[in-house]
ModelCIF file with pLDDT and N, C-alpha, C, O atoms, coordinates in Angstrom:
data_MODEL
#
_entry.id   MODEL 
#
_entity.id                         1 
_entity.type                       polymer 
_entity.pdbx_number_of_molecules   1 
#
_entity_poly.entity_id                      1 
_entity_poly.type                           'polypeptide(L)' 
_entity_poly.nstd_linkage                   no 
_entity_poly.nstd_monomer                   no 
_entity_poly.pdbx_seq_one_letter_code       YADSVKGRFTISRDNAKNTVYLQMNSLKLEDTAVYYCYANNVYGAYW 
_entity_poly.pdbx_seq_one_letter_code_can   YADSVKGRFTISRDNAKNTVYLQMNSLKLEDTAVYYCYANNVYGAYW 
_entity_poly.pdbx_strand_id                 A 
#
loop_
_entity_poly_seq.entity_id 
_entity_poly_seq.num 
_entity_poly_seq.mon_id 
_entity_poly_seq.hetero 
1 1  TYR n 
1 2  ALA n 
1 3  ASP n 
1 4  SER n 
1 5  VAL n 
1 6  LYS n 
1 7  GLY n 
1 8  ARG n 
1 9  PHE n 
1 10 THR n 
1 11 ILE n 
1 12 SER n 
1 13 ARG n 
1 14 ASP n 
1 15 ASN n 
1 16 ALA n 
1 17 LYS n 
1 18 ASN n 
1 19 THR n 
1 20 VAL n 
1 21 TYR n 
1 22 LEU n 
1 23 GLN n 
1 24 MET n 
1 25 ASN n 
1 26 SER n 
1 27 LEU n 
1 28 LYS n 
1 29 LEU n 
1 30 GLU n 
1 31 ASP n 
1 32 THR n 
1 33 ALA n 
1 34 VAL n 
1 35 TYR n 
1 36 TYR n 
1 37 CYS n 
1 38 TYR n 
1 39 ALA n 
1 40 ASN n 
1 41 ASN n 
1 42 VAL n 
1 43 TYR n 
1 44 GLY n 
1 45 ALA n 
1 46 TYR n 
1 47 TRP n 
#
_struct_asym.id          A 
_struct_asym.entity_id   1 
#
loop_
_ma_qa_metric.id 
_ma_qa_metric.mode 
_ma_qa_metric.name 
_ma_qa_metric.software_group_id 
_ma_qa_metric.type 
1 global pLDDT . pLDDT 
2 local  pLDDT . pLDDT 
#
_ma_qa_metric_global.metric_id      1 
_ma_qa_metric_global.metric_value   96.72 
_ma_qa_metric_global.model_id       1 
_ma_qa_metric_global.ordinal_id     1 
#
loop_
_ma_qa_metric_local.label_asym_id 
_ma_qa_metric_local.label_comp_id 
_ma_qa_metric_local.label_seq_id 
_ma_qa_metric_local.metric_id 
_ma_qa_metric_local.metric_value 
_ma_qa_metric_local.model_id 
_ma_qa_metric_local.ordinal_id 
A TYR 1  2 98.00 1 1  
A ALA 2  2 98.00 1 2  
A ASP 3  2 98.00 1 3  
A SER 4  2 97.00 1 4  
A VAL 5  2 98.00 1 5  
A LYS 6  2 98.00 1 6  
A GLY 7  2 97.00 1 7  
A ARG 8  2 98.00 1 8  
A PHE 9  2 98.00 1 9  
A THR 10 2 98.00 1 10 
A ILE 11 2 98.00 1 11 
A SER 12 2 97.00 1 12 
A ARG 13 2 96.00 1 13 
A ASP 14 2 94.00 1 14 
A ASN 15 2 92.00 1 15 
A ALA 16 2 92.00 1 16 
A LYS 17 2 94.00 1 17 
A ASN 18 2 94.00 1 18 
A THR 19 2 96.00 1 19 
A VAL 20 2 97.00 1 20 
A TYR 21 2 98.00 1 21 
A LEU 22 2 98.00 1 22 
A GLN 23 2 98.00 1 23 
A MET 24 2 98.00 1 24 
A ASN 25 2 98.00 1 25 
A SER 26 2 98.00 1 26 
A LEU 27 2 98.00 1 27 
A LYS 28 2 98.00 1 28 
A LEU 29 2 97.00 1 29 
A GLU 30 2 96.00 1 30 
A ASP 31 2 98.00 1 31 
A THR 32 2 98.00 1 32 
A ALA 33 2 98.00 1 33 
A VAL 34 2 98.00 1 34 
A TYR 35 2 98.00 1 35 
A TYR 36 2 98.00 1 36 
A CYS 37 2 98.00 1 37 
A TYR 38 2 97.00 1 38 
A ALA 39 2 97.00 1 39 
A ASN 40 2 96.00 1 40 
A ASN 41 2 94.00 1 41 
A VAL 42 2 94.00 1 42 
A TYR 43 2 93.00 1 43 
A GLY 44 2 94.00 1 44 
A ALA 45 2 96.00 1 45 
A TYR 46 2 97.00 1 46 
A TRP 47 2 97.00 1 47 
#
loop_
_atom_site.group_PDB 
_atom_site.id 
_atom_site.type_symbol 
_atom_site.label_atom_id 
_atom_site.label_alt_id 
_atom_site.label_comp_id 
_atom_site.label_asym_id 
_atom_site.label_entity_id 
_atom_site.label_seq_id 
_atom_site.pdbx_PDB_ins_code 
_atom_site.Cartn_x 
_atom_site.Cartn_y 
_atom_site.Cartn_z 
_atom_site.occupancy 
_atom_site.B_iso_or_equiv 
_atom_site.pdbx_formal_charge 
_atom_site.auth_seq_id 
_atom_site.auth_comp_id 
_atom_site.auth_asym_id 
_atom_site.auth_atom_id 
_atom_site.pdbx_PDB_model_num 
ATOM 1   N N  . TYR A 1 1  ? 1.109   16.301 4.308   1.00 98.00 ? 1  TYR A N  1 
ATOM 2   C CA . TYR A 1 1  ? 0.979   17.752 4.161   1.00 98.00 ? 1  TYR A CA 1 
ATOM 3   C C  . TYR A 1 1  ? 2.190   18.344 3.456   1.00 98.00 ? 1  TYR A C  1 
ATOM 4   O O  . TYR A 1 1  ? 3.312   17.859 3.598   1.00 98.00 ? 1  TYR A O  1 
ATOM 5   N N  . ALA A 1 2  ? 1.940   19.392 2.702   1.00 98.00 ? 2  ALA A N  1 
ATOM 6   C CA . ALA A 1 2  ? 3.046   20.186 2.198   1.00 98.00 ? 2  ALA A CA 1 
ATOM 7   C C  . ALA A 1 2  ? 3.726   20.879 3.379   1.00 98.00 ? 2  ALA A C  1 
ATOM 8   O O  . ALA A 1 2  ? 3.064   21.261 4.344   1.00 98.00 ? 2  ALA A O  1 
ATOM 9   N N  . ASP A 1 3  ? 5.031   21.036 3.301   1.00 98.00 ? 3  ASP A N  1 
ATOM 10  C CA . ASP A 1 3  ? 5.763   21.670 4.401   1.00 98.00 ? 3  ASP A CA 1 
ATOM 11  C C  . ASP A 1 3  ? 5.222   23.066 4.701   1.00 98.00 ? 3  ASP A C  1 
ATOM 12  O O  . ASP A 1 3  ? 5.220   23.501 5.853   1.00 98.00 ? 3  ASP A O  1 
ATOM 13  N N  . SER A 1 4  ? 4.771   23.757 3.677   1.00 97.00 ? 4  SER A N  1 
ATOM 14  C CA . SER A 1 4  ? 4.339   25.135 3.835   1.00 97.00 ? 4  SER A CA 1 
ATOM 15  C C  . SER A 1 4  ? 3.062   25.286 4.670   1.00 97.00 ? 4  SER A C  1 
ATOM 16  O O  . SER A 1 4  ? 2.747   26.382 5.133   1.00 97.00 ? 4  SER A O  1 
ATOM 17  N N  . VAL A 1 5  ? 2.335   24.192 4.858   1.00 98.00 ? 5  VAL A N  1 
ATOM 18  C CA . VAL A 1 5  ? 1.068   24.277 5.601   1.00 98.00 ? 5  VAL A CA 1 
ATOM 19  C C  . VAL A 1 5  ? 1.078   23.468 6.887   1.00 98.00 ? 5  VAL A C  1 
ATOM 20  O O  . VAL A 1 5  ? 0.119   23.522 7.657   1.00 98.00 ? 5  VAL A O  1 
ATOM 21  N N  . LYS A 1 6  ? 2.131   22.730 7.128   1.00 98.00 ? 6  LYS A N  1 
ATOM 22  C CA . LYS A 1 6  ? 2.193   21.907 8.343   1.00 98.00 ? 6  LYS A CA 1 
ATOM 23  C C  . LYS A 1 6  ? 2.046   22.782 9.586   1.00 98.00 ? 6  LYS A C  1 
ATOM 24  O O  . LYS A 1 6  ? 2.669   23.836 9.708   1.00 98.00 ? 6  LYS A O  1 
ATOM 25  N N  . GLY A 1 7  ? 1.208   22.313 10.496  1.00 97.00 ? 7  GLY A N  1 
ATOM 26  C CA . GLY A 1 7  ? 0.974   23.059 11.726  1.00 97.00 ? 7  GLY A CA 1 
ATOM 27  C C  . GLY A 1 7  ? -0.106  24.120 11.614  1.00 97.00 ? 7  GLY A C  1 
ATOM 28  O O  . GLY A 1 7  ? -0.552  24.663 12.625  1.00 97.00 ? 7  GLY A O  1 
ATOM 29  N N  . ARG A 1 8  ? -0.531  24.420 10.391  1.00 98.00 ? 8  ARG A N  1 
ATOM 30  C CA . ARG A 1 8  ? -1.573  25.434 10.199  1.00 98.00 ? 8  ARG A CA 1 
ATOM 31  C C  . ARG A 1 8  ? -2.846  24.840 9.596   1.00 98.00 ? 8  ARG A C  1 
ATOM 32  O O  . ARG A 1 8  ? -3.953  25.262 9.931   1.00 98.00 ? 8  ARG A O  1 
ATOM 33  N N  . PHE A 1 9  ? -2.684  23.869 8.715   1.00 98.00 ? 9  PHE A N  1 
ATOM 34  C CA . PHE A 1 9  ? -3.827  23.254 8.038   1.00 98.00 ? 9  PHE A CA 1 
ATOM 35  C C  . PHE A 1 9  ? -4.041  21.842 8.576   1.00 98.00 ? 9  PHE A C  1 
ATOM 36  O O  . PHE A 1 9  ? -3.094  21.145 8.939   1.00 98.00 ? 9  PHE A O  1 
ATOM 37  N N  . THR A 1 10 ? -5.307  21.441 8.618   1.00 98.00 ? 10 THR A N  1 
ATOM 38  C CA . THR A 1 10 ? -5.648  20.085 9.033   1.00 98.00 ? 10 THR A CA 1 
ATOM 39  C C  . THR A 1 10 ? -6.638  19.498 8.044   1.00 98.00 ? 10 THR A C  1 
ATOM 40  O O  . THR A 1 10 ? -7.695  20.074 7.783   1.00 98.00 ? 10 THR A O  1 
ATOM 41  N N  . ILE A 1 11 ? -6.281  18.348 7.500   1.00 98.00 ? 11 ILE A N  1 
ATOM 42  C CA . ILE A 1 11 ? -7.183  17.646 6.602   1.00 98.00 ? 11 ILE A CA 1 
ATOM 43  C C  . ILE A 1 11 ? -7.909  16.561 7.380   1.00 98.00 ? 11 ILE A C  1 
ATOM 44  O O  . ILE A 1 11 ? -7.332  15.897 8.242   1.00 98.00 ? 11 ILE A O  1 
ATOM 45  N N  . SER A 1 12 ? -9.187  16.394 7.058   1.00 97.00 ? 12 SER A N  1 
ATOM 46  C CA . SER A 1 12 ? -9.969  15.336 7.685   1.00 97.00 ? 12 SER A CA 1 
ATOM 47  C C  . SER A 1 12 ? -10.947 14.793 6.661   1.00 97.00 ? 12 SER A C  1 
ATOM 48  O O  . SER A 1 12 ? -11.156 15.366 5.591   1.00 97.00 ? 12 SER A O  1 
ATOM 49  N N  . ARG A 1 13 ? -11.532 13.674 7.028   1.00 96.00 ? 13 ARG A N  1 
ATOM 50  C CA . ARG A 1 13 ? -12.355 12.975 6.053   1.00 96.00 ? 13 ARG A CA 1 
ATOM 51  C C  . ARG A 1 13 ? -13.490 12.257 6.770   1.00 96.00 ? 13 ARG A C  1 
ATOM 52  O O  . ARG A 1 13 ? -13.298 11.663 7.831   1.00 96.00 ? 13 ARG A O  1 
ATOM 53  N N  . ASP A 1 14 ? -14.664 12.324 6.177   1.00 94.00 ? 14 ASP A N  1 
ATOM 54  C CA . ASP A 1 14 ? -15.817 11.571 6.652   1.00 94.00 ? 14 ASP A CA 1 
ATOM 55  C C  . ASP A 1 14 ? -16.143 10.546 5.572   1.00 94.00 ? 14 ASP A C  1 
ATOM 56  O O  . ASP A 1 14 ? -16.772 10.876 4.566   1.00 94.00 ? 14 ASP A O  1 
ATOM 57  N N  . ASN A 1 15 ? -15.723 9.319  5.778   1.00 92.00 ? 15 ASN A N  1 
ATOM 58  C CA . ASN A 1 15 ? -15.927 8.288  4.757   1.00 92.00 ? 15 ASN A CA 1 
ATOM 59  C C  . ASN A 1 15 ? -17.401 7.999  4.524   1.00 92.00 ? 15 ASN A C  1 
ATOM 60  O O  . ASN A 1 15 ? -17.802 7.691  3.402   1.00 92.00 ? 15 ASN A O  1 
ATOM 61  N N  . ALA A 1 16 ? -18.197 8.094  5.554   1.00 92.00 ? 16 ALA A N  1 
ATOM 62  C CA . ALA A 1 16 ? -19.622 7.827  5.410   1.00 92.00 ? 16 ALA A CA 1 
ATOM 63  C C  . ALA A 1 16 ? -20.290 8.854  4.492   1.00 92.00 ? 16 ALA A C  1 
ATOM 64  O O  . ALA A 1 16 ? -21.240 8.544  3.773   1.00 92.00 ? 16 ALA A O  1 
ATOM 65  N N  . LYS A 1 17 ? -19.770 10.084 4.535   1.00 94.00 ? 17 LYS A N  1 
ATOM 66  C CA . LYS A 1 17 ? -20.324 11.150 3.698   1.00 94.00 ? 17 LYS A CA 1 
ATOM 67  C C  . LYS A 1 17 ? -19.527 11.336 2.410   1.00 94.00 ? 17 LYS A C  1 
ATOM 68  O O  . LYS A 1 17 ? -19.884 12.156 1.564   1.00 94.00 ? 17 LYS A O  1 
ATOM 69  N N  . ASN A 1 18 ? -18.445 10.570 2.268   1.00 94.00 ? 18 ASN A N  1 
ATOM 70  C CA . ASN A 1 18 ? -17.595 10.712 1.082   1.00 94.00 ? 18 ASN A CA 1 
ATOM 71  C C  . ASN A 1 18 ? -17.142 12.164 0.915   1.00 94.00 ? 18 ASN A C  1 
ATOM 72  O O  . ASN A 1 18 ? -17.152 12.714 -0.186  1.00 94.00 ? 18 ASN A O  1 
ATOM 73  N N  . THR A 1 19 ? -16.753 12.757 2.019   1.00 96.00 ? 19 THR A N  1 
ATOM 74  C CA . THR A 1 19 ? -16.416 14.178 2.053   1.00 96.00 ? 19 THR A CA 1 
ATOM 75  C C  . THR A 1 19 ? -15.065 14.375 2.726   1.00 96.00 ? 19 THR A C  1 
ATOM 76  O O  . THR A 1 19 ? -14.736 13.722 3.717   1.00 96.00 ? 19 THR A O  1 
ATOM 77  N N  . VAL A 1 20 ? -14.295 15.292 2.157   1.00 97.00 ? 20 VAL A N  1 
ATOM 78  C CA . VAL A 1 20 ? -13.012 15.653 2.737   1.00 97.00 ? 20 VAL A CA 1 
ATOM 79  C C  . VAL A 1 20 ? -13.034 17.130 3.082   1.00 97.00 ? 20 VAL A C  1 
ATOM 80  O O  . VAL A 1 20 ? -13.634 17.940 2.376   1.00 97.00 ? 20 VAL A O  1 
ATOM 81  N N  . TYR A 1 21 ? -12.372 17.469 4.178   1.00 98.00 ? 21 TYR A N  1 
ATOM 82  C CA . TYR A 1 21 ? -12.358 18.841 4.680   1.00 98.00 ? 21 TYR A CA 1 
ATOM 83  C C  . TYR A 1 21 ? -10.916 19.335 4.790   1.00 98.00 ? 21 TYR A C  1 
ATOM 84  O O  . TYR A 1 21 ? -9.976  18.552 4.930   1.00 98.00 ? 21 TYR A O  1 
ATOM 85  N N  . LEU A 1 22 ? -10.777 20.641 4.721   1.00 98.00 ? 22 LEU A N  1 
ATOM 86  C CA . LEU A 1 22 ? -9.478  21.250 4.976   1.00 98.00 ? 22 LEU A CA 1 
ATOM 87  C C  . LEU A 1 22 ? -9.705  22.454 5.889   1.00 98.00 ? 22 LEU A C  1 
ATOM 88  O O  . LEU A 1 22 ? -10.248 23.478 5.473   1.00 98.00 ? 22 LEU A O  1 
ATOM 89  N N  . GLN A 1 23 ? -9.282  22.309 7.130   1.00 98.00 ? 23 GLN A N  1 
ATOM 90  C CA . GLN A 1 23 ? -9.336  23.418 8.072   1.00 98.00 ? 23 GLN A CA 1 
ATOM 91  C C  . GLN A 1 23 ? -8.034  24.199 7.945   1.00 98.00 ? 23 GLN A C  1 
ATOM 92  O O  . GLN A 1 23 ? -6.945  23.660 8.145   1.00 98.00 ? 23 GLN A O  1 
ATOM 93  N N  . MET A 1 24 ? -8.167  25.472 7.611   1.00 98.00 ? 24 MET A N  1 
ATOM 94  C CA . MET A 1 24 ? -7.002  26.320 7.366   1.00 98.00 ? 24 MET A CA 1 
ATOM 95  C C  . MET A 1 24 ? -6.972  27.430 8.415   1.00 98.00 ? 24 MET A C  1 
ATOM 96  O O  . MET A 1 24 ? -7.871  28.268 8.474   1.00 98.00 ? 24 MET A O  1 
ATOM 97  N N  . ASN A 1 25 ? -5.943  27.422 9.227   1.00 98.00 ? 25 ASN A N  1 
ATOM 98  C CA . ASN A 1 25 ? -5.767  28.426 10.275  1.00 98.00 ? 25 ASN A CA 1 
ATOM 99  C C  . ASN A 1 25 ? -4.506  29.235 10.015  1.00 98.00 ? 25 ASN A C  1 
ATOM 100 O O  . ASN A 1 25 ? -3.653  28.842 9.218   1.00 98.00 ? 25 ASN A O  1 
ATOM 101 N N  . SER A 1 26 ? -4.401  30.357 10.691  1.00 98.00 ? 26 SER A N  1 
ATOM 102 C CA . SER A 1 26 ? -3.215  31.221 10.570  1.00 98.00 ? 26 SER A CA 1 
ATOM 103 C C  . SER A 1 26 ? -2.878  31.488 9.115   1.00 98.00 ? 26 SER A C  1 
ATOM 104 O O  . SER A 1 26 ? -1.728  31.360 8.693   1.00 98.00 ? 26 SER A O  1 
ATOM 105 N N  . LEU A 1 27 ? -3.876  31.853 8.370   1.00 98.00 ? 27 LEU A N  1 
ATOM 106 C CA . LEU A 1 27 ? -3.693  32.021 6.927   1.00 98.00 ? 27 LEU A CA 1 
ATOM 107 C C  . LEU A 1 27 ? -2.752  33.177 6.613   1.00 98.00 ? 27 LEU A C  1 
ATOM 108 O O  . LEU A 1 27 ? -2.738  34.200 7.297   1.00 98.00 ? 27 LEU A O  1 
ATOM 109 N N  . LYS A 1 28 ? -1.967  32.983 5.556   1.00 98.00 ? 28 LYS A N  1 
ATOM 110 C CA . LYS A 1 28 ? -0.978  33.958 5.128   1.00 98.00 ? 28 LYS A CA 1 
ATOM 111 C C  . LYS A 1 28 ? -1.313  34.457 3.724   1.00 98.00 ? 28 LYS A C  1 
ATOM 112 O O  . LYS A 1 28 ? -2.076  33.824 2.994   1.00 98.00 ? 28 LYS A O  1 
ATOM 113 N N  . LEU A 1 29 ? -0.740  35.589 3.361   1.00 97.00 ? 29 LEU A N  1 
ATOM 114 C CA . LEU A 1 29 ? -0.964  36.128 2.027   1.00 97.00 ? 29 LEU A CA 1 
ATOM 115 C C  . LEU A 1 29 ? -0.619  35.102 0.958   1.00 97.00 ? 29 LEU A C  1 
ATOM 116 O O  . LEU A 1 29 ? -1.305  35.004 -0.059  1.00 97.00 ? 29 LEU A O  1 
ATOM 117 N N  . GLU A 1 30 ? 0.446   34.337 1.189   1.00 96.00 ? 30 GLU A N  1 
ATOM 118 C CA . GLU A 1 30 ? 0.897   33.372 0.188   1.00 96.00 ? 30 GLU A CA 1 
ATOM 119 C C  . GLU A 1 30 ? 0.006   32.131 0.090   1.00 96.00 ? 30 GLU A C  1 
ATOM 120 O O  . GLU A 1 30 ? 0.248   31.268 -0.754  1.00 96.00 ? 30 GLU A O  1 
ATOM 121 N N  . ASP A 1 31 ? -1.009  32.030 0.933   1.00 98.00 ? 31 ASP A N  1 
ATOM 122 C CA . ASP A 1 31 ? -1.977  30.944 0.795   1.00 98.00 ? 31 ASP A CA 1 
ATOM 123 C C  . ASP A 1 31 ? -3.037  31.255 -0.247  1.00 98.00 ? 31 ASP A C  1 
ATOM 124 O O  . ASP A 1 31 ? -3.861  30.400 -0.571  1.00 98.00 ? 31 ASP A O  1 
ATOM 125 N N  . THR A 1 32 ? -3.021  32.468 -0.771  1.00 98.00 ? 32 THR A N  1 
ATOM 126 C CA . THR A 1 32 ? -3.977  32.841 -1.806  1.00 98.00 ? 32 THR A CA 1 
ATOM 127 C C  . THR A 1 32 ? -3.804  31.961 -3.035  1.00 98.00 ? 32 THR A C  1 
ATOM 128 O O  . THR A 1 32 ? -2.712  31.857 -3.592  1.00 98.00 ? 32 THR A O  1 
ATOM 129 N N  . ALA A 1 33 ? -4.898  31.330 -3.447  1.00 98.00 ? 33 ALA A N  1 
ATOM 130 C CA . ALA A 1 33 ? -4.844  30.403 -4.578  1.00 98.00 ? 33 ALA A CA 1 
ATOM 131 C C  . ALA A 1 33 ? -6.250  29.871 -4.849  1.00 98.00 ? 33 ALA A C  1 
ATOM 132 O O  . ALA A 1 33 ? -7.181  30.079 -4.071  1.00 98.00 ? 33 ALA A O  1 
ATOM 133 N N  . VAL A 1 34 ? -6.365  29.189 -5.961  1.00 98.00 ? 34 VAL A N  1 
ATOM 134 C CA . VAL A 1 34 ? -7.540  28.358 -6.197  1.00 98.00 ? 34 VAL A CA 1 
ATOM 135 C C  . VAL A 1 34 ? -7.235  26.986 -5.616  1.00 98.00 ? 34 VAL A C  1 
ATOM 136 O O  . VAL A 1 34 ? -6.206  26.385 -5.924  1.00 98.00 ? 34 VAL A O  1 
ATOM 137 N N  . TYR A 1 35 ? -8.123  26.505 -4.787  1.00 98.00 ? 35 TYR A N  1 
ATOM 138 C CA . TYR A 1 35 ? -7.947  25.218 -4.121  1.00 98.00 ? 35 TYR A CA 1 
ATOM 139 C C  . TYR A 1 35 ? -8.811  24.172 -4.817  1.00 98.00 ? 35 TYR A C  1 
ATOM 140 O O  . TYR A 1 35 ? -10.017 24.347 -4.994  1.00 98.00 ? 35 TYR A O  1 
ATOM 141 N N  . TYR A 1 36 ? -8.162  23.089 -5.203  1.00 98.00 ? 36 TYR A N  1 
ATOM 142 C CA . TYR A 1 36 ? -8.834  22.023 -5.945  1.00 98.00 ? 36 TYR A CA 1 
ATOM 143 C C  . TYR A 1 36 ? -8.928  20.768 -5.094  1.00 98.00 ? 36 TYR A C  1 
ATOM 144 O O  . TYR A 1 36 ? -7.962  20.344 -4.461  1.00 98.00 ? 36 TYR A O  1 
ATOM 145 N N  . CYS A 1 37 ? -10.113 20.194 -5.100  1.00 98.00 ? 37 CYS A N  1 
ATOM 146 C CA . CYS A 1 37 ? -10.294 18.895 -4.469  1.00 98.00 ? 37 CYS A CA 1 
ATOM 147 C C  . CYS A 1 37 ? -9.772  17.812 -5.399  1.00 98.00 ? 37 CYS A C  1 
ATOM 148 O O  . CYS A 1 37 ? -9.917  17.898 -6.618  1.00 98.00 ? 37 CYS A O  1 
ATOM 149 N N  . TYR A 1 38 ? -9.174  16.808 -4.818  1.00 97.00 ? 38 TYR A N  1 
ATOM 150 C CA . TYR A 1 38 ? -8.581  15.696 -5.571  1.00 97.00 ? 38 TYR A CA 1 
ATOM 151 C C  . TYR A 1 38 ? -9.046  14.388 -4.959  1.00 97.00 ? 38 TYR A C  1 
ATOM 152 O O  . TYR A 1 38 ? -9.152  14.254 -3.740  1.00 97.00 ? 38 TYR A O  1 
ATOM 153 N N  . ALA A 1 39 ? -9.320  13.429 -5.825  1.00 97.00 ? 39 ALA A N  1 
ATOM 154 C CA . ALA A 1 39 ? -9.701  12.091 -5.352  1.00 97.00 ? 39 ALA A CA 1 
ATOM 155 C C  . ALA A 1 39 ? -9.135  11.064 -6.302  1.00 97.00 ? 39 ALA A C  1 
ATOM 156 O O  . ALA A 1 39 ? -9.035  11.285 -7.509  1.00 97.00 ? 39 ALA A O  1 
ATOM 157 N N  . ASN A 1 40 ? -8.765  9.931  -5.726  1.00 96.00 ? 40 ASN A N  1 
ATOM 158 C CA . ASN A 1 40 ? -8.072  8.904  -6.517  1.00 96.00 ? 40 ASN A CA 1 
ATOM 159 C C  . ASN A 1 40 ? -8.602  7.530  -6.130  1.00 96.00 ? 40 ASN A C  1 
ATOM 160 O O  . ASN A 1 40 ? -8.780  7.234  -4.948  1.00 96.00 ? 40 ASN A O  1 
ATOM 161 N N  . ASN A 1 41 ? -8.855  6.691  -7.138  1.00 94.00 ? 41 ASN A N  1 
ATOM 162 C CA . ASN A 1 41 ? -9.176  5.296  -6.871  1.00 94.00 ? 41 ASN A CA 1 
ATOM 163 C C  . ASN A 1 41 ? -8.592  4.443  -7.989  1.00 94.00 ? 41 ASN A C  1 
ATOM 164 O O  . ASN A 1 41 ? -7.807  4.939  -8.797  1.00 94.00 ? 41 ASN A O  1 
ATOM 165 N N  . VAL A 1 42 ? -8.961  3.179  -8.046  1.00 94.00 ? 42 VAL A N  1 
ATOM 166 C CA . VAL A 1 42 ? -8.360  2.268  -9.033  1.00 94.00 ? 42 VAL A CA 1 
ATOM 167 C C  . VAL A 1 42 ? -8.708  2.656  -10.461 1.00 94.00 ? 42 VAL A C  1 
ATOM 168 O O  . VAL A 1 42 ? -8.045  2.226  -11.405 1.00 94.00 ? 42 VAL A O  1 
ATOM 169 N N  . TYR A 1 43 ? -9.747  3.469  -10.621 1.00 93.00 ? 43 TYR A N  1 
ATOM 170 C CA . TYR A 1 43 ? -10.189 3.843  -11.967 1.00 93.00 ? 43 TYR A CA 1 
ATOM 171 C C  . TYR A 1 43 ? -9.508  5.117  -12.467 1.00 93.00 ? 43 TYR A C  1 
ATOM 172 O O  . TYR A 1 43 ? -9.542  5.411  -13.662 1.00 93.00 ? 43 TYR A O  1 
ATOM 173 N N  . GLY A 1 44 ? -8.896  5.866  -11.565 1.00 94.00 ? 44 GLY A N  1 
ATOM 174 C CA . GLY A 1 44 ? -8.228  7.073  -12.000 1.00 94.00 ? 44 GLY A CA 1 
ATOM 175 C C  . GLY A 1 44 ? -8.217  8.175  -10.968 1.00 94.00 ? 44 GLY A C  1 
ATOM 176 O O  . GLY A 1 44 ? -8.561  7.974  -9.803  1.00 94.00 ? 44 GLY A O  1 
ATOM 177 N N  . ALA A 1 45 ? -7.808  9.354  -11.430 1.00 96.00 ? 45 ALA A N  1 
ATOM 178 C CA . ALA A 1 45 ? -7.738  10.540 -10.587 1.00 96.00 ? 45 ALA A CA 1 
ATOM 179 C C  . ALA A 1 45 ? -8.778  11.548 -11.055 1.00 96.00 ? 45 ALA A C  1 
ATOM 180 O O  . ALA A 1 45 ? -9.047  11.681 -12.249 1.00 96.00 ? 45 ALA A O  1 
ATOM 181 N N  . TYR A 1 46 ? -9.348  12.246 -10.100 1.00 97.00 ? 46 TYR A N  1 
ATOM 182 C CA . TYR A 1 46 ? -10.445 13.158 -10.386 1.00 97.00 ? 46 TYR A CA 1 
ATOM 183 C C  . TYR A 1 46 ? -10.194 14.492 -9.692  1.00 97.00 ? 46 TYR A C  1 
ATOM 184 O O  . TYR A 1 46 ? -9.547  14.565 -8.647  1.00 97.00 ? 46 TYR A O  1 
ATOM 185 N N  . TRP A 1 47 ? -10.729 15.548 -10.312 1.00 97.00 ? 47 TRP A N  1 
ATOM 186 C CA . TRP A 1 47 ? -10.539 16.898 -9.785  1.00 97.00 ? 47 TRP A CA 1 
ATOM 187 C C  . TRP A 1 47 ? -11.867 17.628 -9.696  1.00 97.00 ? 47 TRP A C  1 
ATOM 188 O O  . TRP A 1 47 ? -11.908 18.783 -9.272  1.00 97.00 ? 47 TRP A O  1 
#
């Protein structure tokens, strides 16, 4: 985790569904942004 989100955000993953989640709590004004999903394997990085 980035230091700025530790204790507030939780990432989880369901490998069977090939899905990743981000639970965001105690949101702050500075959390405003476009959030991009990222995935990486031996073939490369994807967004």
